[in-house]
């Protein structure tokens, strides 16, 4: 781990990283579904409180 690098080696490595292709993000539908919150999953009393709070914020 005691290797010494000169500045040109470091700059070449940085340029190589910057010029490499970006990684593609994989869209997993199961992950996206888990993040979605459906109104049917929220109790009605909680929905009512949220709606009242939103009305108070708008006023």
C-alpha atoms as a PDB file:
ATOM      1  CA  UNK A   1       0.000   0.000   0.000  1.00  0.00           C
ATOM      2  CA  UNK A   2       3.067   2.209   0.018  1.00  0.00           C
ATOM      3  CA  UNK A   3       2.998   2.801  -3.727  1.00  0.00           C
ATOM      4  CA  UNK A   4       3.886   6.268  -4.897  1.00  0.00           C
ATOM      5  CA  UNK A   5       2.070   7.843  -7.833  1.00  0.00           C
ATOM      6  CA  UNK A   6       3.062  10.909  -9.753  1.00  0.00           C
ATOM      7  CA  UNK A   7       0.611  13.636 -10.646  1.00  0.00           C
ATOM      8  CA  UNK A   8       0.237  12.550 -14.262  1.00  0.00           C
ATOM      9  CA  UNK A   9      -0.766   9.018 -13.142  1.00  0.00           C
ATOM     10  CA  UNK A  10      -3.419  10.476 -10.839  1.00  0.00           C
ATOM     11  CA  UNK A  11      -4.732  12.855 -13.509  1.00  0.00           C
ATOM     12  CA  UNK A  12      -4.881  10.036 -16.048  1.00  0.00           C
ATOM     13  CA  UNK A  13      -6.906   7.943 -13.609  1.00  0.00           C
ATOM     14  CA  UNK A  14      -9.279  10.842 -12.932  1.00  0.00           C
ATOM     15  CA  UNK A  15      -9.749  11.445 -16.667  1.00  0.00           C
ATOM     16  CA  UNK A  16     -10.399   7.755 -17.211  1.00  0.00           C
ATOM     17  CA  UNK A  17     -13.102   7.793 -14.545  1.00  0.00           C
ATOM     18  CA  UNK A  18     -14.666  10.976 -15.915  1.00  0.00           C
ATOM     19  CA  UNK A  19     -14.730   9.596 -19.469  1.00  0.00           C
ATOM     20  CA  UNK A  20     -16.160   6.220 -18.541  1.00  0.00           C
ATOM     21  CA  UNK A  21     -19.781   5.411 -19.295  1.00  0.00           C
ATOM     22  CA  UNK A  22     -22.179   6.197 -16.462  1.00  0.00           C
ATOM     23  CA  UNK A  23     -23.836   3.301 -14.730  1.00  0.00           C
ATOM     24  CA  UNK A  24     -27.389   2.621 -15.750  1.00  0.00           C
ATOM     25  CA  UNK A  25     -29.918   2.653 -12.963  1.00  0.00           C
ATOM     26  CA  UNK A  26     -32.134  -0.381 -12.991  1.00  0.00           C
ATOM     27  CA  UNK A  27     -35.762   0.402 -12.431  1.00  0.00           C
ATOM     28  CA  UNK A  28     -37.175  -2.394 -10.347  1.00  0.00           C
ATOM     29  CA  UNK A  29     -40.978  -2.240 -10.340  1.00  0.00           C
ATOM     30  CA  UNK A  30     -41.180  -4.000  -6.990  1.00  0.00           C
ATOM     31  CA  UNK A  31     -39.078  -1.294  -5.340  1.00  0.00           C
ATOM     32  CA  UNK A  32     -41.102   1.503  -6.907  1.00  0.00           C
ATOM     33  CA  UNK A  33     -44.378  -0.095  -5.844  1.00  0.00           C
ATOM     34  CA  UNK A  34     -43.201  -0.348  -2.258  1.00  0.00           C
ATOM     35  CA  UNK A  35     -42.493   3.390  -2.210  1.00  0.00           C
ATOM     36  CA  UNK A  36     -45.968   4.309  -3.399  1.00  0.00           C
ATOM     37  CA  UNK A  37     -48.484   4.999  -0.680  1.00  0.00           C
ATOM     38  CA  UNK A  38     -52.028   4.335  -1.658  1.00  0.00           C
ATOM     39  CA  UNK A  39     -54.937   6.115  -0.016  1.00  0.00           C
ATOM     40  CA  UNK A  40     -56.551   2.776   0.727  1.00  0.00           C
ATOM     41  CA  UNK A  41     -53.571   1.919   2.949  1.00  0.00           C
ATOM     42  CA  UNK A  42     -54.078   5.048   5.090  1.00  0.00           C
ATOM     43  CA  UNK A  43     -56.809   5.007   7.728  1.00  0.00           C
ATOM     44  CA  UNK A  44     -59.702   7.407   6.971  1.00  0.00           C
ATOM     45  CA  UNK A  45     -59.158   9.349  10.192  1.00  0.00           C
ATOM     46  CA  UNK A  46     -55.548  10.014   9.203  1.00  0.00           C
ATOM     47  CA  UNK A  47     -56.606  11.158   5.736  1.00  0.00           C
ATOM     48  CA  UNK A  48     -59.066  13.577   7.317  1.00  0.00           C
ATOM     49  CA  UNK A  49     -56.313  15.017   9.542  1.00  0.00           C
ATOM     50  CA  UNK A  50     -54.009  15.413   6.541  1.00  0.00           C
ATOM     51  CA  UNK A  51     -56.702  17.203   4.543  1.00  0.00           C
ATOM     52  CA  UNK A  52     -57.426  19.567   7.445  1.00  0.00           C
ATOM     53  CA  UNK A  53     -53.731  20.328   7.851  1.00  0.00           C
ATOM     54  CA  UNK A  54     -53.375  21.055   4.141  1.00  0.00           C
ATOM     55  CA  UNK A  55     -56.345  23.437   4.291  1.00  0.00           C
ATOM     56  CA  UNK A  56     -54.757  25.265   7.244  1.00  0.00           C
ATOM     57  CA  UNK A  57     -51.456  25.587   5.407  1.00  0.00           C
ATOM     58  CA  UNK A  58     -53.146  27.081   2.327  1.00  0.00           C
ATOM     59  CA  UNK A  59     -54.992  29.676   4.438  1.00  0.00           C
END
